[in-house]
PDB file of N, CA and C in Angstrom:
ATOM      1  N   MET A   1     104.904 103.648 113.232  1.00  0.00           N
ATOM      2  CA  MET A   1     103.746 103.376 112.412  1.00  0.00           C
ATOM      3  C   MET A   1     102.499 103.761 113.189  1.00  0.00           C
ATOM      4  N   LYS A   2     101.616 104.475 112.551  1.00  0.00           N
ATOM      5  CA  LYS A   2     100.340 104.870 113.147  1.00  0.00           C
ATOM      6  C   LYS A   2      99.235 103.994 112.582  1.00  0.00           C
ATOM      7  N   LEU A   3      98.283 103.632 113.425  1.00  0.00           N
ATOM      8  CA  LEU A   3      97.077 102.936 112.992  1.00  0.00           C
ATOM      9  C   LEU A   3      95.902 103.890 113.073  1.00  0.00           C
ATOM     10  N   LYS A   4      94.964 103.695 112.198  1.00  0.00           N
ATOM     11  CA  LYS A   4      93.686 104.385 112.274  1.00  0.00           C
ATOM     12  C   LYS A   4      92.740 103.398 112.953  1.00  0.00           C
ATOM     13  N   HIS A   5      91.830 103.875 113.784  1.00  0.00           N
ATOM     14  CA  HIS A   5      90.856 102.975 114.393  1.00  0.00           C
ATOM     15  C   HIS A   5      89.464 103.287 113.845  1.00  0.00           C
ATOM     16  N   VAL A   6      88.671 102.226 113.737  1.00  0.00           N
ATOM     17  CA  VAL A   6      87.300 102.353 113.242  1.00  0.00           C
ATOM     18  C   VAL A   6      86.398 101.524 114.150  1.00  0.00           C
ATOM     19  N   PHE A   7      85.383 102.167 114.714  1.00  0.00           N
ATOM     20  CA  PHE A   7      84.387 101.447 115.497  1.00  0.00           C
ATOM     21  C   PHE A   7      83.255 101.034 114.566  1.00  0.00           C
ATOM     22  N   LEU A   8      82.853  99.769 114.643  1.00  0.00           N
ATOM     23  CA  LEU A   8      81.757  99.253 113.826  1.00  0.00           C
ATOM     24  C   LEU A   8      81.152  98.050 114.511  1.00  0.00           C
ATOM     25  N   ASP A   9      79.985  97.623 114.050  1.00  0.00           N
ATOM     26  CA  ASP A   9      79.364  96.440 114.646  1.00  0.00           C
ATOM     27  C   ASP A   9      79.984  95.166 114.100  1.00  0.00           C
ATOM     28  N   ASN A  10      80.072  95.070 112.783  1.00  0.00           N
ATOM     29  CA  ASN A  10      80.557  93.858 112.138  1.00  0.00           C
ATOM     30  C   ASN A  10      81.892  94.111 111.456  1.00  0.00           C
ATOM     31  N   ILE A  11      82.790  93.177 111.601  1.00  0.00           N
ATOM     32  CA  ILE A  11      84.110  93.268 110.988  1.00  0.00           C
ATOM     33  C   ILE A  11      83.965  93.006 109.483  1.00  0.00           C
ATOM     34  N   PRO A  12      84.571  93.837 108.638  1.00  0.00           N
ATOM     35  CA  PRO A  12      84.458  93.604 107.191  1.00  0.00           C
ATOM     36  C   PRO A  12      85.212  92.346 106.753  1.00  0.00           C
ATOM     37  N   ASP A  13      84.807  91.799 105.629  1.00  0.00           N
ATOM     38  CA  ASP A  13      85.457  90.598 105.094  1.00  0.00           C
ATOM     39  C   ASP A  13      86.897  90.876 104.689  1.00  0.00           C
ATOM     40  N   ASN A  14      87.144  92.038 104.115  1.00  0.00           N
ATOM     41  CA  ASN A  14      88.483  92.398 103.654  1.00  0.00           C
ATOM     42  C   ASN A  14      89.036  93.515 104.523  1.00  0.00           C
ATOM     43  N   LEU A  15      90.094  93.200 105.250  1.00  0.00           N
ATOM     44  CA  LEU A  15      90.712  94.185 106.137  1.00  0.00           C
ATOM     45  C   LEU A  15      91.748  94.992 105.370  1.00  0.00           C
ATOM     46  N   GLU A  16      91.823  96.269 105.688  1.00  0.00           N
ATOM     47  CA  GLU A  16      92.848  97.136 105.102  1.00  0.00           C
ATOM     48  C   GLU A  16      94.043  97.215 106.050  1.00  0.00           C
ATOM     49  N   ASP A  17      95.224  97.354 105.479  1.00  0.00           N
ATOM     50  CA  ASP A  17      96.424  97.565 106.288  1.00  0.00           C
ATOM     51  C   ASP A  17      96.290  98.874 107.056  1.00  0.00           C
ATOM     52  N   GLY A  18      96.821  98.890 108.270  1.00  0.00           N
ATOM     53  CA  GLY A  18      96.898 100.134 109.037  1.00  0.00           C
ATOM     54  C   GLY A  18      95.609 100.556 109.724  1.00  0.00           C
ATOM     55  N   ILE A  19      94.611  99.665 109.750  1.00  0.00           N
ATOM     56  CA  ILE A  19      93.346  99.998 110.420  1.00  0.00           C
ATOM     57  C   ILE A  19      93.067  98.972 111.501  1.00  0.00           C
ATOM     58  N   LEU A  20      92.747  99.461 112.691  1.00  0.00           N
ATOM     59  CA  LEU A  20      92.310  98.629 113.800  1.00  0.00           C
ATOM     60  C   LEU A  20      90.785  98.715 113.835  1.00  0.00           C
ATOM     61  N   TYR A  21      90.126  97.617 113.502  1.00  0.00           N
ATOM     62  CA  TYR A  21      88.671  97.537 113.489  1.00  0.00           C
ATOM     63  C   TYR A  21      88.211  97.091 114.872  1.00  0.00           C
ATOM     64  N   ILE A  22      87.257  97.819 115.448  1.00  0.00           N
ATOM     65  CA  ILE A  22      86.807  97.540 116.806  1.00  0.00           C
ATOM     66  C   ILE A  22      85.297  97.353 116.813  1.00  0.00           C
ATOM     67  N   SER A  23      84.860  96.194 117.289  1.00  0.00           N
ATOM     68  CA  SER A  23      83.436  95.921 117.457  1.00  0.00           C
ATOM     69  C   SER A  23      83.148  95.795 118.946  1.00  0.00           C
ATOM     70  N   ILE A  24      82.523  96.802 119.499  1.00  0.00           N
ATOM     71  CA  ILE A  24      82.117  96.745 120.901  1.00  0.00           C
ATOM     72  C   ILE A  24      81.017  95.692 121.051  1.00  0.00           C
ATOM     73  N   LYS A  25      80.128  95.619 120.076  1.00  0.00           N
ATOM     74  CA  LYS A  25      79.027  94.648 120.099  1.00  0.00           C
ATOM     75  C   LYS A  25      79.547  93.223 120.298  1.00  0.00           C
ATOM     76  N   TYR A  26      80.645  92.881 119.623  1.00  0.00           N
ATOM     77  CA  TYR A  26      81.212  91.538 119.721  1.00  0.00           C
ATOM     78  C   TYR A  26      82.483  91.488 120.578  1.00  0.00           C
ATOM     79  N   ALA A  27      82.796  92.579 121.257  1.00  0.00           N
ATOM     80  CA  ALA A  27      83.947  92.660 122.160  1.00  0.00           C
ATOM     81  C   ALA A  27      85.217  92.128 121.499  1.00  0.00           C
ATOM     82  N   THR A  28      85.507  92.668 120.317  1.00  0.00           N
ATOM     83  CA  THR A  28      86.649  92.196 119.543  1.00  0.00           C
ATOM     84  C   THR A  28      87.293  93.355 118.789  1.00  0.00           C
ATOM     85  N   ALA A  29      88.604  93.303 118.710  1.00  0.00           N
ATOM     86  CA  ALA A  29      89.356  94.199 117.831  1.00  0.00           C
ATOM     87  C   ALA A  29      90.151  93.313 116.884  1.00  0.00           C
ATOM     88  N   ILE A  30      90.292  93.735 115.641  1.00  0.00           N
ATOM     89  CA  ILE A  30      90.998  92.936 114.644  1.00  0.00           C
ATOM     90  C   ILE A  30      91.750  93.873 113.706  1.00  0.00           C
ATOM     91  N   HIS A  31      92.922  93.419 113.277  1.00  0.00           N
ATOM     92  CA  HIS A  31      93.712  94.194 112.328  1.00  0.00           C
ATOM     93  C   HIS A  31      94.645  93.253 111.580  1.00  0.00           C
ATOM     94  N   LYS A  32      95.214  93.748 110.503  1.00  0.00           N
ATOM     95  CA  LYS A  32      96.245  92.979 109.810  1.00  0.00           C
ATOM     96  C   LYS A  32      97.553  93.179 110.563  1.00  0.00           C
ATOM     97  N   CYS A  33      98.315  92.100 110.687  1.00  0.00           N
ATOM     98  CA  CYS A  33      99.579  92.162 111.416  1.00  0.00           C
ATOM     99  C   CYS A  33     100.402  93.356 110.936  1.00  0.00           C
ATOM    100  N   CYS A  34     100.947  94.076 111.878  1.00  0.00           N
ATOM    101  CA  CYS A  34     101.682  95.312 111.563  1.00  0.00           C
ATOM    102  C   CYS A  34     103.026  95.066 110.893  1.00  0.00           C
ATOM    103  N   CYS A  35     103.492  93.807 110.864  1.00  0.00           N
ATOM    104  CA  CYS A  35     104.770  93.525 110.201  1.00  0.00           C
ATOM    105  C   CYS A  35     104.617  93.477 108.682  1.00  0.00           C
ATOM    106  N   GLY A  36     103.361  93.395 108.215  1.00  0.00           N
ATOM    107  CA  GLY A  36     103.123  93.337 106.778  1.00  0.00           C
ATOM    108  C   GLY A  36     102.932  91.934 106.227  1.00  0.00           C
ATOM    109  N   CYS A  37     102.932  90.924 107.105  1.00  0.00           N
ATOM    110  CA  CYS A  37     102.785  89.534 106.638  1.00  0.00           C
ATOM    111  C   CYS A  37     101.393  89.233 106.112  1.00  0.00           C
ATOM    112  N   GLY A  38     100.409  90.069 106.454  1.00  0.00           N
ATOM    113  CA  GLY A  38      99.054  89.891 105.950  1.00  0.00           C
ATOM    114  C   GLY A  38      98.135  89.079 106.842  1.00  0.00           C
ATOM    115  N   ASN A  39      98.666  88.470 107.896  1.00  0.00           N
ATOM    116  CA  ASN A  39      97.813  87.694 108.802  1.00  0.00           C
ATOM    117  C   ASN A  39      96.855  88.592 109.562  1.00  0.00           C
ATOM    118  N   GLN A  40      95.671  88.059 109.848  1.00  0.00           N
ATOM    119  CA  GLN A  40      94.682  88.784 110.638  1.00  0.00           C
ATOM    120  C   GLN A  40      94.929  88.522 112.117  1.00  0.00           C
ATOM    121  N   VAL A  41      95.000  89.588 112.880  1.00  0.00           N
ATOM    122  CA  VAL A  41      95.243  89.499 114.320  1.00  0.00           C
ATOM    123  C   VAL A  41      93.932  89.811 115.033  1.00  0.00           C
ATOM    124  N   VAL A  42      93.405  88.823 115.732  1.00  0.00           N
ATOM    125  CA  VAL A  42      92.148  88.970 116.465  1.00  0.00           C
ATOM    126  C   VAL A  42      92.476  89.130 117.945  1.00  0.00           C
ATOM    127  N   THR A  43      91.959  90.182 118.541  1.00  0.00           N
ATOM    128  CA  THR A  43      92.188  90.437 119.954  1.00  0.00           C
ATOM    129  C   THR A  43      90.835  90.545 120.655  1.00  0.00           C
ATOM    130  N   PRO A  44      90.397  89.452 121.305  1.00  0.00           N
ATOM    131  CA  PRO A  44      89.142  89.508 122.057  1.00  0.00           C
ATOM    132  C   PRO A  44      89.290  90.449 123.248  1.00  0.00           C
ATOM    133  N   LEU A  45      88.263  91.219 123.490  1.00  0.00           N
ATOM    134  CA  LEU A  45      88.278  92.169 124.598  1.00  0.00           C
ATOM    135  C   LEU A  45      87.529  91.558 125.776  1.00  0.00           C
ATOM    136  N   SER A  46      88.233  91.348 126.877  1.00  0.00           N
ATOM    137  CA  SER A  46      87.619  90.768 128.071  1.00  0.00           C
ATOM    138  C   SER A  46      88.577  90.958 129.243  1.00  0.00           C
ATOM    139  N   PRO A  47      88.110  90.690 130.457  1.00  0.00           N
ATOM    140  CA  PRO A  47      88.994  90.827 131.612  1.00  0.00           C
ATOM    141  C   PRO A  47      90.220  89.913 131.564  1.00  0.00           C
ATOM    142  N   VAL A  48      90.161  88.807 130.793  1.00  0.00           N
ATOM    143  CA  VAL A  48      91.297  87.891 130.733  1.00  0.00           C
ATOM    144  C   VAL A  48      92.006  87.902 129.385  1.00  0.00           C
ATOM    145  N   ASP A  49      91.586  88.759 128.483  1.00  0.00           N
ATOM    146  CA  ASP A  49      92.249  88.871 127.183  1.00  0.00           C
ATOM    147  C   ASP A  49      92.821  90.282 127.066  1.00  0.00           C
ATOM    148  N   TRP A  50      92.379  91.046 126.084  1.00  0.00           N
ATOM    149  CA  TRP A  50      92.884  92.406 125.911  1.00  0.00           C
ATOM    150  C   TRP A  50      91.904  93.417 126.465  1.00  0.00           C
ATOM    151  N   LYS A  51      92.457  94.534 126.861  1.00  0.00           N
ATOM    152  CA  LYS A  51      91.674  95.678 127.313  1.00  0.00           C
ATOM    153  C   LYS A  51      91.873  96.799 126.303  1.00  0.00           C
ATOM    154  N   LEU A  52      90.797  97.481 125.991  1.00  0.00           N
ATOM    155  CA  LEU A  52      90.831  98.595 125.047  1.00  0.00           C
ATOM    156  C   LEU A  52      90.612  99.879 125.817  1.00  0.00           C
ATOM    157  N   ILE A  53      91.445 100.854 125.553  1.00  0.00           N
ATOM    158  CA  ILE A  53      91.269 102.182 126.131  1.00  0.00           C
ATOM    159  C   ILE A  53      91.021 103.142 124.974  1.00  0.00           C
ATOM    160  N   PHE A  54      89.910 103.847 125.040  1.00  0.00           N
ATOM    161  CA  PHE A  54      89.576 104.881 124.064  1.00  0.00           C
ATOM    162  C   PHE A  54      89.510 106.190 124.820  1.00  0.00           C
ATOM    163  N   ASP A  55      90.368 107.131 124.461  1.00  0.00           N
ATOM    164  CA  ASP A  55      90.429 108.403 125.181  1.00  0.00           C
ATOM    165  C   ASP A  55      89.663 109.522 124.485  1.00  0.00           C
ATOM    166  N   GLY A  56      88.842 109.151 123.525  1.00  0.00           N
ATOM    167  CA  GLY A  56      88.085 110.154 122.779  1.00  0.00           C
ATOM    168  C   GLY A  56      88.730 110.488 121.451  1.00  0.00           C
ATOM    169  N   GLU A  57      90.010 110.203 121.316  1.00  0.00           N
ATOM    170  CA  GLU A  57      90.733 110.467 120.069  1.00  0.00           C
ATOM    171  C   GLU A  57      91.551 109.274 119.594  1.00  0.00           C
ATOM    172  N   THR A  58      92.154 108.534 120.530  1.00  0.00           N
ATOM    173  CA  THR A  58      93.023 107.420 120.156  1.00  0.00           C
ATOM    174  C   THR A  58      92.619 106.172 120.942  1.00  0.00           C
ATOM    175  N   VAL A  59      93.168 105.035 120.497  1.00  0.00           N
ATOM    176  CA  VAL A  59      92.927 103.785 121.218  1.00  0.00           C
ATOM    177  C   VAL A  59      94.251 103.138 121.581  1.00  0.00           C
ATOM    178  N   SER A  60      94.202 102.371 122.660  1.00  0.00           N
ATOM    179  CA  SER A  60      95.339 101.569 123.105  1.00  0.00           C
ATOM    180  C   SER A  60      94.811 100.188 123.452  1.00  0.00           C
ATOM    181  N   LEU A  61      95.634  99.176 123.207  1.00  0.00           N
ATOM    182  CA  LEU A  61      95.311  97.800 123.580  1.00  0.00           C
ATOM    183  C   LEU A  61      96.364  97.309 124.565  1.00  0.00           C
ATOM    184  N   TYR A  62      95.900  96.645 125.610  1.00  0.00           N
ATOM    185  CA  TYR A  62      96.800  96.061 126.594  1.00  0.00           C
ATOM    186  C   TYR A  62      96.371  94.630 126.846  1.00  0.00           C
ATOM    187  N   PRO A  63      97.254  93.686 126.953  1.00  0.00           N
ATOM    188  CA  PRO A  63      98.705  93.811 126.880  1.00  0.00           C
ATOM    189  C   PRO A  63      99.190  93.901 125.432  1.00  0.00           C
ATOM    190  N   SER A  64     100.460  93.608 125.235  1.00  0.00           N
ATOM    191  CA  SER A  64     101.056  93.676 123.904  1.00  0.00           C
ATOM    192  C   SER A  64     100.458  92.612 122.985  1.00  0.00           C
ATOM    193  N   ILE A  65     100.702  92.793 121.699  1.00  0.00           N
ATOM    194  CA  ILE A  65     100.286  91.831 120.687  1.00  0.00           C
ATOM    195  C   ILE A  65     101.490  90.942 120.402  1.00  0.00           C
ATOM    196  N   GLY A  66     101.373  89.684 120.762  1.00  0.00           N
ATOM    197  CA  GLY A  66     102.445  88.723 120.499  1.00  0.00           C
ATOM    198  C   GLY A  66     101.925  87.683 119.526  1.00  0.00           C
ATOM    199  N   ASN A  67     102.342  87.765 118.289  1.00  0.00           N
ATOM    200  CA  ASN A  67     101.843  86.865 117.247  1.00  0.00           C
ATOM    201  C   ASN A  67     102.648  85.574 117.212  1.00  0.00           C
ATOM    202  N   TRP A  68     102.608  84.836 118.323  1.00  0.00           N
ATOM    203  CA  TRP A  68     103.454  83.668 118.506  1.00  0.00           C
ATOM    204  C   TRP A  68     103.098  82.519 117.567  1.00  0.00           C
ATOM    205  N   ASN A  69     101.860  82.474 117.086  1.00  0.00           N
ATOM    206  CA  ASN A  69     101.453  81.385 116.193  1.00  0.00           C
ATOM    207  C   ASN A  69     101.677  81.707 114.723  1.00  0.00           C
ATOM    208  N   PHE A  70     102.147  82.897 114.424  1.00  0.00           N
ATOM    209  CA  PHE A  70     102.446  83.285 113.044  1.00  0.00           C
ATOM    210  C   PHE A  70     103.921  83.041 112.765  1.00  0.00           C
ATOM    211  N   THR A  71     104.246  82.855 111.513  1.00  0.00           N
ATOM    212  CA  THR A  71     105.650  82.692 111.119  1.00  0.00           C
ATOM    213  C   THR A  71     106.470  83.914 111.511  1.00  0.00           C
ATOM    214  N   CYS A  72     105.888  85.107 111.377  1.00  0.00           N
ATOM    215  CA  CYS A  72     106.611  86.352 111.675  1.00  0.00           C
ATOM    216  C   CYS A  72     106.952  86.490 113.163  1.00  0.00           C
ATOM    217  N   GLN A  73     106.111  85.947 114.029  1.00  0.00           N
ATOM    218  CA  GLN A  73     106.235  86.077 115.484  1.00  0.00           C
ATOM    219  C   GLN A  73     106.478  87.525 115.914  1.00  0.00           C
ATOM    220  N   SER A  74     105.812  88.446 115.223  1.00  0.00           N
ATOM    221  CA  SER A  74     105.979  89.859 115.571  1.00  0.00           C
ATOM    222  C   SER A  74     105.415  90.136 116.964  1.00  0.00           C
ATOM    223  N   HIS A  75     105.932  91.182 117.566  1.00  0.00           N
ATOM    224  CA  HIS A  75     105.571  91.542 118.934  1.00  0.00           C
ATOM    225  C   HIS A  75     105.562  93.058 119.035  1.00  0.00           C
ATOM    226  N   TYR A  76     104.405  93.620 119.386  1.00  0.00           N
ATOM    227  CA  TYR A  76     104.288  95.074 119.461  1.00  0.00           C
ATOM    228  C   TYR A  76     103.146  95.476 120.386  1.00  0.00           C
ATOM    229  N   TRP A  77     103.166  96.732 120.748  1.00  0.00           N
ATOM    230  CA  TRP A  77     102.116  97.357 121.546  1.00  0.00           C
ATOM    231  C   TRP A  77     101.349  98.311 120.639  1.00  0.00           C
ATOM    232  N   ILE A  78     100.093  98.523 120.944  1.00  0.00           N
ATOM    233  CA  ILE A  78      99.323  99.588 120.294  1.00  0.00           C
ATOM    234  C   ILE A  78      98.967 100.575 121.400  1.00  0.00           C
ATOM    235  N   GLN A  79      99.613 101.735 121.354  1.00  0.00           N
ATOM    236  CA  GLN A  79      99.402 102.775 122.360  1.00  0.00           C
ATOM    237  C   GLN A  79      99.078 104.079 121.661  1.00  0.00           C
ATOM    238  N   GLU A  80      97.891 104.586 121.953  1.00  0.00           N
ATOM    239  CA  GLU A  80      97.420 105.846 121.373  1.00  0.00           C
ATOM    240  C   GLU A  80      97.580 105.831 119.848  1.00  0.00           C
ATOM    241  N   ASN A  81      97.108 104.747 119.227  1.00  0.00           N
ATOM    242  CA  ASN A  81      97.140 104.510 117.773  1.00  0.00           C
ATOM    243  C   ASN A  81      98.542 104.303 117.206  1.00  0.00           C
ATOM    244  N   GLU A  82      99.531 104.308 118.024  1.00  0.00           N
ATOM    245  CA  GLU A  82     100.919 104.131 117.581  1.00  0.00           C
ATOM    246  C   GLU A  82     101.352 102.687 117.807  1.00  0.00           C
ATOM    247  N   VAL A  83     102.004 102.112 116.803  1.00  0.00           N
ATOM    248  CA  VAL A  83     102.574 100.776 116.949  1.00  0.00           C
ATOM    249  C   VAL A  83     103.977 100.938 117.520  1.00  0.00           C
ATOM    250  N   ILE A  84     104.202 100.323 118.664  1.00  0.00           N
ATOM    251  CA  ILE A  84     105.505 100.384 119.318  1.00  0.00           C
ATOM    252  C   ILE A  84     106.065  98.966 119.317  1.00  0.00           C
ATOM    253  N   TRP A  85     107.117  98.763 118.553  1.00  0.00           N
ATOM    254  CA  TRP A  85     107.700  97.436 118.392  1.00  0.00           C
ATOM    255  C   TRP A  85     108.411  97.000 119.655  1.00  0.00           C
ATOM    256  N   SER A  86     108.291  95.724 119.948  1.00  0.00           N
ATOM    257  CA  SER A  86     108.935  95.137 121.111  1.00  0.00           C
ATOM    258  C   SER A  86     109.874  94.027 120.647  1.00  0.00           C
ATOM    259  N   ARG A  87     110.710  93.562 121.538  1.00  0.00           N
ATOM    260  CA  ARG A  87     111.673  92.531 121.177  1.00  0.00           C
ATOM    261  C   ARG A  87     110.980  91.191 120.942  1.00  0.00           C
ATOM    262  N   LYS A  88     111.619  90.350 120.171  1.00  0.00           N
ATOM    263  CA  LYS A  88     111.122  89.004 119.940  1.00  0.00           C
ATOM    264  C   LYS A  88     111.330  88.186 121.208  1.00  0.00           C
ATOM    265  N   TRP A  89     110.342  87.367 121.569  1.00  0.00           N
ATOM    266  CA  TRP A  89     110.442  86.539 122.757  1.00  0.00           C
ATOM    267  C   TRP A  89     111.056  85.192 122.421  1.00  0.00           C
ATOM    268  N   SER A  90     111.674  84.597 123.408  1.00  0.00           N
ATOM    269  CA  SER A  90     112.226  83.245 123.266  1.00  0.00           C
ATOM    270  C   SER A  90     111.085  82.229 123.349  1.00  0.00           C
ATOM    271  N   ARG A  91     111.348  81.028 122.897  1.00  0.00           N
ATOM    272  CA  ARG A  91     110.354  79.942 122.978  1.00  0.00           C
ATOM    273  C   ARG A  91     109.950  79.727 124.439  1.00  0.00           C
ATOM    274  N   ARG A  92     110.895  79.810 125.366  1.00  0.00           N
ATOM    275  CA  ARG A  92     110.609  79.634 126.795  1.00  0.00           C
ATOM    276  C   ARG A  92     109.656  80.727 127.299  1.00  0.00           C
ATOM    277  N   GLU A  93     109.889  81.987 126.916  1.00  0.00           N
ATOM    278  CA  GLU A  93     109.014  83.086 127.338  1.00  0.00           C
ATOM    279  C   GLU A  93     107.597  82.895 126.784  1.00  0.00           C
ATOM    280  N   ILE A  94     107.502  82.485 125.528  1.00  0.00           N
ATOM    281  CA  ILE A  94     106.196  82.274 124.899  1.00  0.00           C
ATOM    282  C   ILE A  94     105.440  81.160 125.622  1.00  0.00           C
ATOM    283  N   THR A  95     106.113  80.046 125.878  1.00  0.00           N
ATOM    284  CA  THR A  95     105.481  78.914 126.563  1.00  0.00           C
ATOM    285  C   THR A  95     105.016  79.320 127.956  1.00  0.00           C
ATOM    286  N   SER A  96     105.853  80.043 128.665  1.00  0.00           N
ATOM    287  CA  SER A  96     105.505  80.495 130.012  1.00  0.00           C
ATOM    288  C   SER A  96     104.290  81.430 129.981  1.00  0.00           C
ATOM    289  N   ALA A  97     104.278  82.357 129.043  1.00  0.00           N
ATOM    290  CA  ALA A  97     103.154  83.301 128.932  1.00  0.00           C
ATOM    291  C   ALA A  97     101.858  82.582 128.583  1.00  0.00           C
ATOM    292  N   LYS A  98     101.934  81.605 127.687  1.00  0.00           N
ATOM    293  CA  LYS A  98     100.736  80.849 127.305  1.00  0.00           C
ATOM    294  C   LYS A  98     100.175  80.078 128.501  1.00  0.00           C
ATOM    295  N   LYS A  99     101.052  79.488 129.301  1.00  0.00           N
ATOM    296  CA  LYS A  99     100.612  78.764 130.492  1.00  0.00           C
ATOM    297  C   LYS A  99      99.944  79.716 131.489  1.00  0.00           C
ATOM    298  N   LYS A 100     100.550  80.882 131.682  1.00  0.00           N
ATOM    299  CA  LYS A 100      99.993  81.875 132.606  1.00  0.00           C
ATOM    300  C   LYS A 100      98.626  82.348 132.121  1.00  0.00           C
ATOM    301  N   GLU A 101      98.494  82.613 130.813  1.00  0.00           N
ATOM    302  CA  GLU A 101      97.214  83.048 130.259  1.00  0.00           C
ATOM    303  C   GLU A 101      96.146  81.971 130.449  1.00  0.00           C
ATOM    304  N   ALA A 102      96.497  80.712 130.197  1.00  0.00           N
ATOM    305  CA  ALA A 102      95.544  79.610 130.360  1.00  0.00           C
ATOM    306  C   ALA A 102      95.108  79.488 131.818  1.00  0.00           C
ATOM    307  N   ARG A 103      96.053  79.624 132.735  1.00  0.00           N
ATOM    308  CA  ARG A 103      95.748  79.541 134.165  1.00  0.00           C
ATOM    309  C   ARG A 103      94.819  80.693 134.576  1.00  0.00           C
ATOM    310  N   ASN A 104      95.122  81.912 134.137  1.00  0.00           N
ATOM    311  CA  ASN A 104      94.286  83.071 134.470  1.00  0.00           C
ATOM    312  C   ASN A 104      92.877  82.926 133.899  1.00  0.00           C
ATOM    313  N   ARG A 105      92.796  82.435 132.670  1.00  0.00           N
ATOM    314  CA  ARG A 105      91.500  82.233 132.019  1.00  0.00           C
ATOM    315  C   ARG A 105      90.678  81.193 132.790  1.00  0.00           C
ATOM    316  N   SER A 106      91.328  80.109 133.172  1.00  0.00           N
ATOM    317  CA  SER A 106      90.653  79.047 133.918  1.00  0.00           C
ATOM    318  C   SER A 106      90.135  79.563 135.259  1.00  0.00           C
ATOM    319  N   LEU A 107      90.967  80.298 135.981  1.00  0.00           N
ATOM    320  CA  LEU A 107      90.559  80.857 137.268  1.00  0.00           C
ATOM    321  C   LEU A 107      89.400  81.842 137.101  1.00  0.00           C
ATOM    322  N   PHE A 108      89.461  82.678 136.076  1.00  0.00           N
ATOM    323  CA  PHE A 108      88.421  83.670 135.837  1.00  0.00           C
ATOM    324  C   PHE A 108      87.096  82.981 135.562  1.00  0.00           C
ATOM    325  N   PHE A 109      87.082  82.004 134.668  1.00  0.00           N
ATOM    326  CA  PHE A 109      85.813  81.372 134.295  1.00  0.00           C
ATOM    327  C   PHE A 109      85.292  80.470 135.407  1.00  0.00           C
ATOM    328  N   ARG A 110      86.177  79.910 136.201  1.00  0.00           N
ATOM    329  CA  ARG A 110      85.745  79.125 137.356  1.00  0.00           C
ATOM    330  C   ARG A 110      85.023  80.046 138.347  1.00  0.00           C
ATOM    331  N   LYS A 111      85.578  81.240 138.544  1.00  0.00           N
ATOM    332  CA  LYS A 111      84.982  82.229 139.459  1.00  0.00           C
ATOM    333  C   LYS A 111      83.643  82.713 138.903  1.00  0.00           C
ATOM    334  N   GLU A 112      83.557  82.915 137.585  1.00  0.00           N
ATOM    335  CA  GLU A 112      82.337  83.411 136.949  1.00  0.00           C
ATOM    336  C   GLU A 112      81.183  82.419 137.039  1.00  0.00           C
ATOM    337  N   THR A 113      81.471  81.124 137.087  1.00  0.00           N
ATOM    338  CA  THR A 113      80.410  80.119 137.096  1.00  0.00           C
ATOM    339  C   THR A 113      79.907  79.803 138.491  1.00  0.00           C
ATOM    340  N   LYS A 114      80.536  80.343 139.511  1.00  0.00           N
ATOM    341  CA  LYS A 114      80.100  80.084 140.905  1.00  0.00           C
ATOM    342  C   LYS A 114      78.977  81.012 141.289  1.00  0.00           C
TER     343      LYS A 114
END
């Protein structure tokens, strides 16, 4: 599955399937879940969240998109506008990743406030 990317300041109220909306102004990318469930996937862009790479033609987001709070629990990468599906994670993997993300976020913001 290929995504189209659109750079804009403000995210539209109604998202279209297959489009990754990117607001540099608000450091956010958003799209409808690629599994088709219709949920909106918000990916904040920051040193402790997602990183966006724009090569002049395509975009990539790192790390992967893990929709652990959605019923679908879809898991995929967006690399050069291509959706690359990944395996479903176990509850243990999800819990471990969430703890690691919280720890990294805490360390980052503690460092930023000093």
